[in-house]
Amino acid sequence: MKYLIDAQLPLHLKKYLEYYNIDALHLLELDPTGTMSDASMSKLADIQNRVVISKDIDFYNSHLINNSPKNYC
């Protein structure tokens, strides 16, 4: 399993996961300013088949809304 770690979480988390041979990418490696939009982060995770680790509830809610099936009730 591969992970994408959101910018507000410590870089140490990536190092911890890599210590256990887990493929992890920290958002600050791609965007040092930490200003990547939730939509861009979600798209990147989807393209690279990564699970997002975030404490941002807005990301969770926007991802569910933007990726829900069209016929969902």
Protein backbone atom coordinates (compact mmCIF):
# COMPACT_ATOMS: atom_id res chain seq x y z
CA MET A 1 0.00 0.00 0.00
CA LYS A 2 1.22 3.51 -0.83
CA TYR A 3 0.49 6.66 1.17
CA LEU A 4 0.35 10.40 0.56
CA ILE A 5 0.83 12.39 3.76
CA ASP A 6 -0.82 15.80 3.98
CA ALA A 7 1.28 18.91 4.64
CA GLN A 8 0.01 19.59 8.17
CA LEU A 9 1.37 16.26 9.43
CA PRO A 10 5.03 15.95 10.45
CA LEU A 11 7.69 14.81 7.99
CA HIS A 12 8.74 12.35 10.66
CA LEU A 13 5.64 10.29 9.84
CA LYS A 14 7.04 9.61 6.38
CA LYS A 15 10.37 8.52 7.86
CA TYR A 16 8.54 6.26 10.31
CA LEU A 17 6.58 4.56 7.53
CA GLU A 18 9.65 4.19 5.34
CA TYR A 19 11.49 2.55 8.23
CA TYR A 20 8.95 -0.27 7.85
CA ASN A 21 9.41 -0.33 4.06
CA ILE A 22 6.12 1.41 3.39
CA ASP A 23 5.97 3.62 0.30
CA ALA A 24 5.17 7.10 1.62
CA LEU A 25 5.24 10.51 -0.01
CA HIS A 26 4.90 13.71 1.99
CA LEU A 27 3.09 16.59 0.32
CA LEU A 28 5.83 19.03 1.37
CA GLU A 29 8.24 17.13 -0.88
CA LEU A 30 6.12 18.11 -3.88
CA ASP A 31 4.91 21.51 -2.68
CA PRO A 32 7.26 23.08 -0.09
CA THR A 33 4.76 25.87 0.53
CA GLY A 34 2.08 23.35 1.57
CA THR A 35 -0.54 25.16 -0.49
CA MET A 36 -1.61 22.35 -2.84
CA SER A 37 -5.38 22.29 -3.10
CA ASP A 38 -7.39 19.37 -1.77
CA ALA A 39 -8.59 18.64 -5.32
CA SER A 40 -5.01 18.45 -6.62
CA MET A 41 -3.94 16.27 -3.71
CA SER A 42 -6.89 13.95 -4.28
CA LYS A 43 -6.13 13.71 -7.99
CA LEU A 44 -2.47 12.93 -7.29
CA ALA A 45 -3.44 10.22 -4.81
CA ASP A 46 -5.86 8.69 -7.32
CA ILE A 47 -3.31 8.75 -10.15
CA GLN A 48 -0.58 7.21 -7.99
CA ASN A 49 -2.98 4.84 -6.23
CA ARG A 50 -2.13 6.25 -2.79
CA VAL A 51 -4.10 6.45 0.42
CA VAL A 52 -4.20 9.97 1.85
CA ILE A 53 -3.28 10.47 5.48
CA SER A 54 -4.72 13.78 6.67
CA LYS A 55 -6.22 15.34 9.76
CA ASP A 56 -8.12 17.84 7.61
CA ILE A 57 -11.85 17.04 7.83
CA ASP A 58 -12.50 19.39 4.91
CA PHE A 59 -10.38 17.15 2.67
CA TYR A 60 -12.37 14.11 3.75
CA ASN A 61 -15.70 15.80 3.09
CA SER A 62 -14.68 17.26 -0.28
CA HIS A 63 -13.27 13.94 -1.46
CA LEU A 64 -16.48 12.13 -0.59
CA ILE A 65 -18.62 14.75 -2.33
CA ASN A 66 -16.45 14.91 -5.45
CA ASN A 67 -16.05 11.16 -5.82
CA SER A 68 -19.49 9.86 -4.92
CA PRO A 69 -21.45 7.96 -7.58
CA LYS A 70 -23.89 10.14 -9.50
CA ASN A 71 -26.82 7.93 -8.56
CA TYR A 72 -26.02 7.94 -4.84
CA CYS A 73 -29.04 8.86 -2.70
